[in-house]
Amino acid sequence: MIWLNQVIQGVLLGGYYALIACGLSFMFGVMRIINLAHGDLAILAAFLVWAIVDRSGMSPFLALAIVLPLMGALGWLMQRVMLERSLRSGLLVPLLTTFGLAIVIENLLFLQFGADTRSLAPAIGDLAFDSWSIGGLIYIGHLAGLTLLVAVLMLGGLQLMLARTPLGRAIRAIAEDPDTAELVGIDSRRVYAAAAAIAVMTVAVGGTFLAMRATFGPYAGPAQLIFAFEAVVIGGLGSMWGTLAGGIVLGVAQNVGAQIAPNGFLIAGHAVFLVALAARLLRQHLKGSP
């Protein structure tokens, strides 16, 4: 029963990892960019939500509704001003660009908010610690369950949007072959900007749930980037449902590893990531072999 509980807690933790990884996977799937500022954008959104809640006393969910369009506008601006130009210079320049953006965000947050950690847990009351009990041995936290539900809805919504809407079809066409898509009248600049806006809005959701479930500070972004990247690689780059599966695999591995050894939480997660990465590299090598 203890092991079953660890697996269930791992699945719930995986819901958070899938939520925080959603935007990273979406941006790579459309623009083939690994956004190194991903974690710091999540922390930026967390600070924006926290600032609104701290000054107005409103619910974090209402504050998130205010922050979402702001983050969407930031994603659109980021694409038009920075990424659009860097994409023309090869694969390395966008990495350096987003790395520089991450450093700027971290230091601006430190300058504005200082080094103290914050949390939105006090603002959500009982949701932060209440749980459902199953047989007195298995507990499912309300917030953890909500996080998994939001991750499924958001990833499923993105998958549905890509499959059923004109914007989704344009995004898939640009991701597959931007030159051919341009020939049939699709404006790649507008599609890329819209995709970046959507990706950064999903990052804001992930950052807000991070702020509700844990503490965060100006330099917490890189750790979130690592977890998001591992979930994306395990599940498959650019795959929405794969991202959910990758997050769950990562969460379960970490929880089971923690049960085996006190320091096994991170080690088990990194080990699963390395195995998945090695398997993908080997498969690509075999495909390319004569």
C-alpha atoms as a PDB file:
ATOM      1  CA  MET A   1       0.000   0.000   0.000  1.00  0.00           C
ATOM      2  CA  ILE A   2       2.932   2.326   0.707  1.00  0.00           C
ATOM      3  CA  TRP A   3       4.272   1.796  -2.807  1.00  0.00           C
ATOM      4  CA  LEU A   4       0.823   2.363  -4.318  1.00  0.00           C
ATOM      5  CA  ASN A   5       0.573   5.635  -2.415  1.00  0.00           C
ATOM      6  CA  GLN A   6       3.986   6.692  -3.708  1.00  0.00           C
ATOM      7  CA  VAL A   7       2.925   5.955  -7.288  1.00  0.00           C
ATOM      8  CA  ILE A   8      -0.305   7.944  -6.860  1.00  0.00           C
ATOM      9  CA  GLN A   9       1.602  10.878  -5.373  1.00  0.00           C
ATOM     10  CA  GLY A  10       4.038  10.610  -8.275  1.00  0.00           C
ATOM     11  CA  VAL A  11       1.186  10.804 -10.783  1.00  0.00           C
ATOM     12  CA  LEU A  12      -0.123  13.924  -9.045  1.00  0.00           C
ATOM     13  CA  LEU A  13       3.358  15.461  -9.025  1.00  0.00           C
ATOM     14  CA  GLY A  14       3.639  14.552 -12.699  1.00  0.00           C
ATOM     15  CA  GLY A  15       0.550  16.658 -13.347  1.00  0.00           C
ATOM     16  CA  TYR A  16       2.475  19.705 -12.154  1.00  0.00           C
ATOM     17  CA  TYR A  17       5.513  18.796 -14.271  1.00  0.00           C
ATOM     18  CA  ALA A  18       3.281  18.413 -17.335  1.00  0.00           C
ATOM     19  CA  LEU A  19       1.677  21.770 -16.584  1.00  0.00           C
ATOM     20  CA  ILE A  20       4.999  23.581 -16.282  1.00  0.00           C
ATOM     21  CA  ALA A  21       6.372  21.777 -19.387  1.00  0.00           C
ATOM     22  CA  CYS A  22       3.375  22.476 -21.620  1.00  0.00           C
ATOM     23  CA  GLY A  23       4.627  25.783 -23.050  1.00  0.00           C
ATOM     24  CA  LEU A  24       8.157  24.466 -23.571  1.00  0.00           C
ATOM     25  CA  SER A  25       6.827  21.535 -25.585  1.00  0.00           C
ATOM     26  CA  PHE A  26       4.437  23.720 -27.572  1.00  0.00           C
ATOM     27  CA  MET A  27       7.110  26.267 -28.518  1.00  0.00           C
ATOM     28  CA  PHE A  28       9.537  23.576 -29.596  1.00  0.00           C
ATOM     29  CA  GLY A  29       6.847  21.789 -31.603  1.00  0.00           C
ATOM     30  CA  VAL A  30       6.029  24.940 -33.581  1.00  0.00           C
ATOM     31  CA  MET A  31       9.281  26.888 -33.823  1.00  0.00           C
ATOM     32  CA  ARG A  32      11.900  24.274 -32.926  1.00  0.00           C
ATOM     33  CA  ILE A  33      13.137  26.570 -30.157  1.00  0.00           C
ATOM     34  CA  ILE A  34      14.189  25.337 -26.721  1.00  0.00           C
ATOM     35  CA  ASN A  35      13.282  28.357 -24.633  1.00  0.00           C
ATOM     36  CA  LEU A  36      15.887  28.643 -21.869  1.00  0.00           C
ATOM     37  CA  ALA A  37      13.886  31.489 -20.301  1.00  0.00           C
ATOM     38  CA  HIS A  38      10.907  29.168 -19.806  1.00  0.00           C
ATOM     39  CA  GLY A  39      11.349  28.669 -16.058  1.00  0.00           C
ATOM     40  CA  ASP A  40      12.031  32.345 -15.446  1.00  0.00           C
ATOM     41  CA  LEU A  41       8.894  33.339 -17.353  1.00  0.00           C
ATOM     42  CA  ALA A  42       6.951  31.039 -15.018  1.00  0.00           C
ATOM     43  CA  ILE A  43       8.513  32.774 -12.003  1.00  0.00           C
ATOM     44  CA  LEU A  44       7.741  36.182 -13.535  1.00  0.00           C
ATOM     45  CA  ALA A  45       4.075  35.187 -13.824  1.00  0.00           C
ATOM     46  CA  ALA A  46       4.127  33.897 -10.235  1.00  0.00           C
ATOM     47  CA  PHE A  47       5.454  37.241  -8.988  1.00  0.00           C
ATOM     48  CA  LEU A  48       2.865  39.172 -11.019  1.00  0.00           C
ATOM     49  CA  VAL A  49       0.028  37.090  -9.577  1.00  0.00           C
ATOM     50  CA  TRP A  50       1.493  37.390  -6.078  1.00  0.00           C
ATOM     51  CA  ALA A  51       1.812  41.188  -6.394  1.00  0.00           C
ATOM     52  CA  ILE A  52      -1.837  41.538  -7.469  1.00  0.00           C
ATOM     53  CA  VAL A  53      -3.049  39.271  -4.674  1.00  0.00           C
ATOM     54  CA  ASP A  54      -0.858  41.024  -2.095  1.00  0.00           C
ATOM     55  CA  ARG A  55      -2.151  44.487  -3.006  1.00  0.00           C
ATOM     56  CA  SER A  56      -5.794  43.737  -3.743  1.00  0.00           C
ATOM     57  CA  GLY A  57      -6.563  40.650  -1.667  1.00  0.00           C
ATOM     58  CA  MET A  58      -8.317  38.990  -4.604  1.00  0.00           C
ATOM     59  CA  SER A  59      -8.230  35.277  -5.354  1.00  0.00           C
ATOM     60  CA  PRO A  60      -5.077  34.025  -7.120  1.00  0.00           C
ATOM     61  CA  PHE A  61      -7.323  32.552  -9.813  1.00  0.00           C
ATOM     62  CA  LEU A  62      -8.813  35.980 -10.558  1.00  0.00           C
ATOM     63  CA  ALA A  63      -5.329  37.490 -10.499  1.00  0.00           C
ATOM     64  CA  LEU A  64      -4.220  34.821 -12.990  1.00  0.00           C
ATOM     65  CA  ALA A  65      -7.040  35.903 -15.312  1.00  0.00           C
ATOM     66  CA  ILE A  66      -5.522  39.394 -15.273  1.00  0.00           C
ATOM     67  CA  VAL A  67      -1.955  38.167 -15.771  1.00  0.00           C
ATOM     68  CA  LEU A  68      -2.737  35.780 -18.650  1.00  0.00           C
ATOM     69  CA  PRO A  69      -3.282  38.462 -21.341  1.00  0.00           C
ATOM     70  CA  LEU A  70      -0.223  40.340 -20.080  1.00  0.00           C
ATOM     71  CA  MET A  71       1.914  37.222 -20.458  1.00  0.00           C
ATOM     72  CA  GLY A  72       0.361  36.545 -23.862  1.00  0.00           C
ATOM     73  CA  ALA A  73       1.338  40.060 -24.974  1.00  0.00           C
ATOM     74  CA  LEU A  74       4.846  39.456 -23.628  1.00  0.00           C
ATOM     75  CA  GLY A  75       5.096  36.232 -25.627  1.00  0.00           C
ATOM     76  CA  TRP A  76       3.925  37.996 -28.805  1.00  0.00           C
ATOM     77  CA  LEU A  77       6.438  40.811 -28.220  1.00  0.00           C
ATOM     78  CA  MET A  78       9.233  38.352 -27.429  1.00  0.00           C
ATOM     79  CA  GLN A  79       8.647  36.567 -30.725  1.00  0.00           C
ATOM     80  CA  ARG A  80       8.399  39.723 -32.840  1.00  0.00           C
ATOM     81  CA  VAL A  81      11.327  41.591 -31.287  1.00  0.00           C
ATOM     82  CA  MET A  82      13.771  38.824 -30.344  1.00  0.00           C
ATOM     83  CA  LEU A  83      13.075  35.321 -31.601  1.00  0.00           C
ATOM     84  CA  GLU A  84      11.995  36.261 -35.124  1.00  0.00           C
ATOM     85  CA  ARG A  85      15.370  37.840 -35.782  1.00  0.00           C
ATOM     86  CA  SER A  86      17.416  35.202 -34.013  1.00  0.00           C
ATOM     87  CA  LEU A  87      15.712  32.341 -35.873  1.00  0.00           C
ATOM     88  CA  ARG A  88      17.256  33.578 -39.104  1.00  0.00           C
ATOM     89  CA  SER A  89      20.754  33.032 -37.720  1.00  0.00           C
ATOM     90  CA  GLY A  90      20.631  29.290 -37.048  1.00  0.00           C
ATOM     91  CA  LEU A  91      19.795  27.113 -34.047  1.00  0.00           C
ATOM     92  CA  LEU A  92      22.395  28.426 -31.603  1.00  0.00           C
ATOM     93  CA  VAL A  93      21.368  32.100 -31.624  1.00  0.00           C
ATOM     94  CA  PRO A  94      17.808  31.507 -30.261  1.00  0.00           C
ATOM     95  CA  LEU A  95      19.337  29.491 -27.403  1.00  0.00           C
ATOM     96  CA  LEU A  96      21.697  32.334 -26.557  1.00  0.00           C
ATOM     97  CA  THR A  97      18.868  34.851 -26.900  1.00  0.00           C
ATOM     98  CA  THR A  98      16.563  33.047 -24.486  1.00  0.00           C
ATOM     99  CA  PHE A  99      19.486  32.432 -22.113  1.00  0.00           C
ATOM    100  CA  GLY A 100      20.153  36.170 -22.038  1.00  0.00           C
ATOM    101  CA  LEU A 101      16.455  36.851 -21.499  1.00  0.00           C
ATOM    102  CA  ALA A 102      16.457  34.448 -18.538  1.00  0.00           C
ATOM    103  CA  ILE A 103      19.332  36.323 -16.892  1.00  0.00           C
ATOM    104  CA  VAL A 104      17.586  39.674 -17.427  1.00  0.00           C
ATOM    105  CA  ILE A 105      14.315  38.405 -15.916  1.00  0.00           C
ATOM    106  CA  GLU A 106      16.060  36.915 -12.877  1.00  0.00           C
ATOM    107  CA  ASN A 107      17.953  40.089 -12.077  1.00  0.00           C
ATOM    108  CA  LEU A 108      14.973  42.375 -12.672  1.00  0.00           C
ATOM    109  CA  LEU A 109      12.898  40.244 -10.285  1.00  0.00           C
ATOM    110  CA  PHE A 110      15.678  40.370  -7.711  1.00  0.00           C
ATOM    111  CA  LEU A 111      15.922  44.137  -8.115  1.00  0.00           C
ATOM    112  CA  GLN A 112      12.163  44.593  -7.678  1.00  0.00           C
ATOM    113  CA  PHE A 113      11.291  41.958  -5.077  1.00  0.00           C
ATOM    114  CA  GLY A 114      14.571  41.132  -3.325  1.00  0.00           C
ATOM    115  CA  ALA A 115      15.824  37.662  -2.442  1.00  0.00           C
ATOM    116  CA  ASP A 116      12.977  36.693  -0.086  1.00  0.00           C
ATOM    117  CA  THR A 117      10.813  33.738  -1.105  1.00  0.00           C
ATOM    118  CA  ARG A 118       7.051  34.075  -1.467  1.00  0.00           C
ATOM    119  CA  SER A 119       4.094  31.742  -1.715  1.00  0.00           C
ATOM    120  CA  LEU A 120       0.436  31.970  -2.706  1.00  0.00           C
ATOM    121  CA  ALA A 121      -0.505  29.122  -0.355  1.00  0.00           C
ATOM    122  CA  PRO A 122      -1.899  31.483   2.338  1.00  0.00           C
ATOM    123  CA  ALA A 123      -4.141  33.100  -0.286  1.00  0.00           C
ATOM    124  CA  ILE A 124      -5.938  29.866  -1.213  1.00  0.00           C
ATOM    125  CA  GLY A 125      -6.854  28.772   2.312  1.00  0.00           C
ATOM    126  CA  ASP A 126      -7.778  25.130   2.854  1.00  0.00           C
ATOM    127  CA  LEU A 127      -7.100  24.259  -0.790  1.00  0.00           C
ATOM    128  CA  ALA A 128      -3.384  24.359  -0.003  1.00  0.00           C
ATOM    129  CA  PHE A 129      -3.468  21.455   2.464  1.00  0.00           C
ATOM    130  CA  ASP A 130      -6.845  19.665   2.348  1.00  0.00           C
ATOM    131  CA  SER A 131      -6.961  16.179   0.870  1.00  0.00           C
ATOM    132  CA  TRP A 132      -9.230  13.244   0.167  1.00  0.00           C
ATOM    133  CA  SER A 133      -8.512  10.089   2.150  1.00  0.00           C
ATOM    134  CA  ILE A 134      -8.866   6.632   0.621  1.00  0.00           C
ATOM    135  CA  GLY A 135      -8.875   3.901   3.246  1.00  0.00           C
ATOM    136  CA  GLY A 136      -6.879   6.043   5.627  1.00  0.00           C
ATOM    137  CA  LEU A 137      -3.644   5.123   3.832  1.00  0.00           C
ATOM    138  CA  ILE A 138      -3.819   7.007   0.537  1.00  0.00           C
ATOM    139  CA  TYR A 139      -4.281  10.779   0.445  1.00  0.00           C
ATOM    140  CA  ILE A 140      -4.971  12.894  -2.628  1.00  0.00           C
ATOM    141  CA  GLY A 141      -4.385  16.593  -2.081  1.00  0.00           C
ATOM    142  CA  HIS A 142      -7.066  18.931  -3.385  1.00  0.00           C
ATOM    143  CA  LEU A 143      -4.489  21.244  -4.957  1.00  0.00           C
ATOM    144  CA  ALA A 144      -2.520  18.346  -6.453  1.00  0.00           C
ATOM    145  CA  GLY A 145      -5.699  16.897  -7.945  1.00  0.00           C
ATOM    146  CA  LEU A 146      -6.685  20.290  -9.345  1.00  0.00           C
ATOM    147  CA  THR A 147      -3.211  20.714 -10.840  1.00  0.00           C
ATOM    148  CA  LEU A 148      -3.443  17.363 -12.639  1.00  0.00           C
ATOM    149  CA  LEU A 149      -6.935  18.206 -13.898  1.00  0.00           C
ATOM    150  CA  VAL A 150      -5.789  21.598 -15.225  1.00  0.00           C
ATOM    151  CA  ALA A 151      -2.795  19.951 -16.918  1.00  0.00           C
ATOM    152  CA  VAL A 152      -5.033  17.427 -18.686  1.00  0.00           C
ATOM    153  CA  LEU A 153      -7.519  20.129 -19.740  1.00  0.00           C
ATOM    154  CA  MET A 154      -4.819  22.501 -20.965  1.00  0.00           C
ATOM    155  CA  LEU A 155      -2.866  19.883 -22.893  1.00  0.00           C
ATOM    156  CA  GLY A 156      -6.082  18.402 -24.282  1.00  0.00           C
ATOM    157  CA  GLY A 157      -7.300  21.883 -25.228  1.00  0.00           C
ATOM    158  CA  LEU A 158      -4.077  22.613 -27.086  1.00  0.00           C
ATOM    159  CA  GLN A 159      -4.263  19.275 -28.875  1.00  0.00           C
ATOM    160  CA  LEU A 160      -7.869  19.991 -29.860  1.00  0.00           C
ATOM    161  CA  MET A 161      -6.957  23.486 -31.021  1.00  0.00           C
ATOM    162  CA  LEU A 162      -4.149  22.117 -33.186  1.00  0.00           C
ATOM    163  CA  ALA A 163      -6.451  19.518 -34.736  1.00  0.00           C
ATOM    164  CA  ARG A 164      -9.734  21.408 -35.182  1.00  0.00           C
ATOM    165  CA  THR A 165      -9.183  25.168 -35.558  1.00  0.00           C
ATOM    166  CA  PRO A 166      -7.853  27.254 -38.486  1.00  0.00           C
ATOM    167  CA  LEU A 167      -5.088  28.635 -36.256  1.00  0.00           C
ATOM    168  CA  GLY A 168      -4.162  25.099 -35.207  1.00  0.00           C
ATOM    169  CA  ARG A 169      -3.982  23.918 -38.791  1.00  0.00           C
ATOM    170  CA  ALA A 170      -1.830  26.935 -39.679  1.00  0.00           C
ATOM    171  CA  ILE A 171       0.478  26.183 -36.739  1.00  0.00           C
ATOM    172  CA  ARG A 172       0.840  22.541 -37.836  1.00  0.00           C
ATOM    173  CA  ALA A 173       1.522  23.609 -41.417  1.00  0.00           C
ATOM    174  CA  ILE A 174       4.201  26.089 -40.343  1.00  0.00           C
ATOM    175  CA  ALA A 175       5.772  23.518 -38.022  1.00  0.00           C
ATOM    176  CA  GLU A 176       5.904  20.956 -40.833  1.00  0.00           C
ATOM    177  CA  ASP A 177       7.171  23.152 -43.676  1.00  0.00           C
ATOM    178  CA  PRO A 178       7.169  26.949 -43.251  1.00  0.00           C
ATOM    179  CA  ASP A 179       8.251  27.657 -46.846  1.00  0.00           C
ATOM    180  CA  THR A 180       5.422  25.621 -48.367  1.00  0.00           C
ATOM    181  CA  ALA A 181       2.936  27.104 -45.888  1.00  0.00           C
ATOM    182  CA  GLU A 182       3.961  30.587 -46.997  1.00  0.00           C
ATOM    183  CA  LEU A 183       3.291  29.614 -50.629  1.00  0.00           C
ATOM    184  CA  VAL A 184      -0.342  28.773 -49.820  1.00  0.00           C
ATOM    185  CA  GLY A 185      -0.962  32.086 -48.077  1.00  0.00           C
ATOM    186  CA  ILE A 186      -0.150  31.408 -44.411  1.00  0.00           C
ATOM    187  CA  ASP A 187       1.578  34.332 -42.709  1.00  0.00           C
ATOM    188  CA  SER A 188       4.340  32.620 -40.739  1.00  0.00           C
ATOM    189  CA  ARG A 189       5.173  35.762 -38.744  1.00  0.00           C
ATOM    190  CA  ARG A 190       1.634  36.018 -37.387  1.00  0.00           C
ATOM    191  CA  VAL A 191       1.415  32.292 -36.694  1.00  0.00           C
ATOM    192  CA  TYR A 192       4.755  32.226 -34.863  1.00  0.00           C
ATOM    193  CA  ALA A 193       3.731  35.262 -32.788  1.00  0.00           C
ATOM    194  CA  ALA A 194       0.381  33.670 -31.900  1.00  0.00           C
ATOM    195  CA  ALA A 195       2.094  30.401 -30.957  1.00  0.00           C
ATOM    196  CA  ALA A 196       4.601  32.233 -28.732  1.00  0.00           C
ATOM    197  CA  ALA A 197       1.746  34.112 -27.031  1.00  0.00           C
ATOM    198  CA  ILE A 198      -0.101  30.847 -26.344  1.00  0.00           C
ATOM    199  CA  ALA A 199       3.062  29.172 -25.039  1.00  0.00           C
ATOM    200  CA  VAL A 200       3.853  32.000 -22.609  1.00  0.00           C
ATOM    201  CA  MET A 201       0.237  32.061 -21.388  1.00  0.00           C
ATOM    202  CA  THR A 202       0.503  28.373 -20.505  1.00  0.00           C
ATOM    203  CA  VAL A 203       3.754  29.177 -18.691  1.00  0.00           C
ATOM    204  CA  ALA A 204       1.813  31.688 -16.585  1.00  0.00           C
ATOM    205  CA  VAL A 205      -0.612  28.957 -15.513  1.00  0.00           C
ATOM    206  CA  GLY A 206       2.258  26.693 -14.520  1.00  0.00           C
ATOM    207  CA  GLY A 207       3.977  29.491 -12.602  1.00  0.00           C
ATOM    208  CA  THR A 208       0.804  30.296 -10.677  1.00  0.00           C
ATOM    209  CA  PHE A 209       0.301  26.684  -9.608  1.00  0.00           C
ATOM    210  CA  LEU A 210       3.959  26.557  -8.556  1.00  0.00           C
ATOM    211  CA  ALA A 211       3.350  29.605  -6.365  1.00  0.00           C
ATOM    212  CA  MET A 212       0.317  27.939  -4.779  1.00  0.00           C
ATOM    213  CA  ARG A 213       2.022  24.618  -4.048  1.00  0.00           C
ATOM    214  CA  ALA A 214       5.494  25.829  -2.959  1.00  0.00           C
ATOM    215  CA  THR A 215       7.664  28.849  -2.326  1.00  0.00           C
ATOM    216  CA  PHE A 216       9.432  30.719  -5.105  1.00  0.00           C
ATOM    217  CA  GLY A 217      12.098  33.381  -5.460  1.00  0.00           C
ATOM    218  CA  PRO A 218      13.751  35.390  -8.248  1.00  0.00           C
ATOM    219  CA  TYR A 219      16.230  32.615  -9.057  1.00  0.00           C
ATOM    220  CA  ALA A 220      13.842  29.642  -8.921  1.00  0.00           C
ATOM    221  CA  GLY A 221      13.383  29.529 -12.692  1.00  0.00           C
ATOM    222  CA  PRO A 222      16.314  27.269 -13.728  1.00  0.00           C
ATOM    223  CA  ALA A 223      15.106  24.413 -11.507  1.00  0.00           C
ATOM    224  CA  GLN A 224      11.657  24.578 -13.115  1.00  0.00           C
ATOM    225  CA  LEU A 225      13.264  24.636 -16.560  1.00  0.00           C
ATOM    226  CA  ILE A 226      15.152  21.424 -15.754  1.00  0.00           C
ATOM    227  CA  PHE A 227      12.001  19.594 -14.636  1.00  0.00           C
ATOM    228  CA  ALA A 228      10.061  20.871 -17.654  1.00  0.00           C
ATOM    229  CA  PHE A 229      12.834  19.876 -20.062  1.00  0.00           C
ATOM    230  CA  GLU A 230      13.101  16.402 -18.565  1.00  0.00           C
ATOM    231  CA  ALA A 231       9.335  15.877 -18.848  1.00  0.00           C
ATOM    232  CA  VAL A 232       9.366  17.018 -22.489  1.00  0.00           C
ATOM    233  CA  VAL A 233      12.303  14.786 -23.455  1.00  0.00           C
ATOM    234  CA  ILE A 234      10.852  11.732 -21.715  1.00  0.00           C
ATOM    235  CA  GLY A 235       7.474  12.243 -23.384  1.00  0.00           C
ATOM    236  CA  GLY A 236       8.729  13.306 -26.797  1.00  0.00           C
ATOM    237  CA  LEU A 237       9.566  16.808 -28.009  1.00  0.00           C
ATOM    238  CA  GLY A 238       6.537  18.658 -29.360  1.00  0.00           C
ATOM    239  CA  SER A 239       3.926  16.066 -28.283  1.00  0.00           C
ATOM    240  CA  MET A 240       1.147  17.383 -26.025  1.00  0.00           C
ATOM    241  CA  TRP A 241      -0.014  14.028 -24.659  1.00  0.00           C
ATOM    242  CA  GLY A 242       3.594  12.892 -24.601  1.00  0.00           C
ATOM    243  CA  THR A 243       4.369  15.821 -22.323  1.00  0.00           C
ATOM    244  CA  LEU A 244       1.666  14.648 -19.910  1.00  0.00           C
ATOM    245  CA  ALA A 245       3.035  11.111 -19.986  1.00  0.00           C
ATOM    246  CA  GLY A 246       6.593  12.377 -19.545  1.00  0.00           C
ATOM    247  CA  GLY A 247       5.619  14.485 -16.550  1.00  0.00           C
ATOM    248  CA  ILE A 248       3.877  11.543 -14.904  1.00  0.00           C
ATOM    249  CA  VAL A 249       6.823   9.209 -15.552  1.00  0.00           C
ATOM    250  CA  LEU A 250       9.186  11.787 -14.059  1.00  0.00           C
ATOM    251  CA  GLY A 251       6.975  12.350 -11.009  1.00  0.00           C
ATOM    252  CA  VAL A 252       6.532   8.633 -10.338  1.00  0.00           C
ATOM    253  CA  ALA A 253      10.271   7.997 -10.735  1.00  0.00           C
ATOM    254  CA  GLN A 254      11.090  10.748  -8.245  1.00  0.00           C
ATOM    255  CA  ASN A 255       8.609   9.568  -5.640  1.00  0.00           C
ATOM    256  CA  VAL A 256       9.626   5.923  -5.920  1.00  0.00           C
ATOM    257  CA  GLY A 257      13.291   6.960  -5.766  1.00  0.00           C
ATOM    258  CA  ALA A 258      12.609   8.943  -2.588  1.00  0.00           C
ATOM    259  CA  GLN A 259      11.016   5.846  -1.066  1.00  0.00           C
ATOM    260  CA  ILE A 260      14.090   3.756  -1.859  1.00  0.00           C
ATOM    261  CA  ALA A 261      16.677   6.256  -0.564  1.00  0.00           C
ATOM    262  CA  PRO A 262      16.479   9.666   1.127  1.00  0.00           C
ATOM    263  CA  ASN A 263      18.461  11.328  -1.663  1.00  0.00           C
ATOM    264  CA  GLY A 264      16.805   9.307  -4.415  1.00  0.00           C
ATOM    265  CA  PHE A 265      14.157  11.888  -5.332  1.00  0.00           C
ATOM    266  CA  LEU A 266      16.206  13.875  -7.839  1.00  0.00           C
ATOM    267  CA  ILE A 267      18.593  11.052  -8.729  1.00  0.00           C
ATOM    268  CA  ALA A 268      15.798   8.741  -9.896  1.00  0.00           C
ATOM    269  CA  GLY A 269      14.227  11.481 -12.007  1.00  0.00           C
ATOM    270  CA  HIS A 270      17.524  12.384 -13.655  1.00  0.00           C
ATOM    271  CA  ALA A 271      18.270   8.693 -14.272  1.00  0.00           C
ATOM    272  CA  VAL A 272      14.953   8.164 -16.080  1.00  0.00           C
ATOM    273  CA  PHE A 273      15.615  11.307 -18.136  1.00  0.00           C
ATOM    274  CA  LEU A 274      19.081  10.085 -19.147  1.00  0.00           C
ATOM    275  CA  VAL A 275      17.736   6.657 -20.116  1.00  0.00           C
ATOM    276  CA  ALA A 276      14.990   8.252 -22.239  1.00  0.00           C
ATOM    277  CA  LEU A 277      17.489  10.622 -23.866  1.00  0.00           C
ATOM    278  CA  ALA A 278      19.930   7.792 -24.613  1.00  0.00           C
ATOM    279  CA  ALA A 279      17.126   5.706 -26.111  1.00  0.00           C
ATOM    280  CA  ARG A 280      16.054   8.552 -28.409  1.00  0.00           C
ATOM    281  CA  LEU A 281      19.629   9.236 -29.525  1.00  0.00           C
ATOM    282  CA  LEU A 282      20.192   5.531 -30.207  1.00  0.00           C
ATOM    283  CA  ARG A 283      16.997   5.313 -32.231  1.00  0.00           C
ATOM    284  CA  GLN A 284      18.007   8.338 -34.312  1.00  0.00           C
ATOM    285  CA  HIS A 285      21.448   6.823 -34.867  1.00  0.00           C
ATOM    286  CA  LEU A 286      19.933   3.517 -36.026  1.00  0.00           C
ATOM    287  CA  LYS A 287      17.580   5.324 -38.386  1.00  0.00           C
ATOM    288  CA  GLY A 288      20.510   7.185 -39.896  1.00  0.00           C
ATOM    289  CA  SER A 289      22.665   4.069 -40.285  1.00  0.00           C
ATOM    290  CA  PRO A 290      23.058   2.703 -43.811  1.00  0.00           C
END
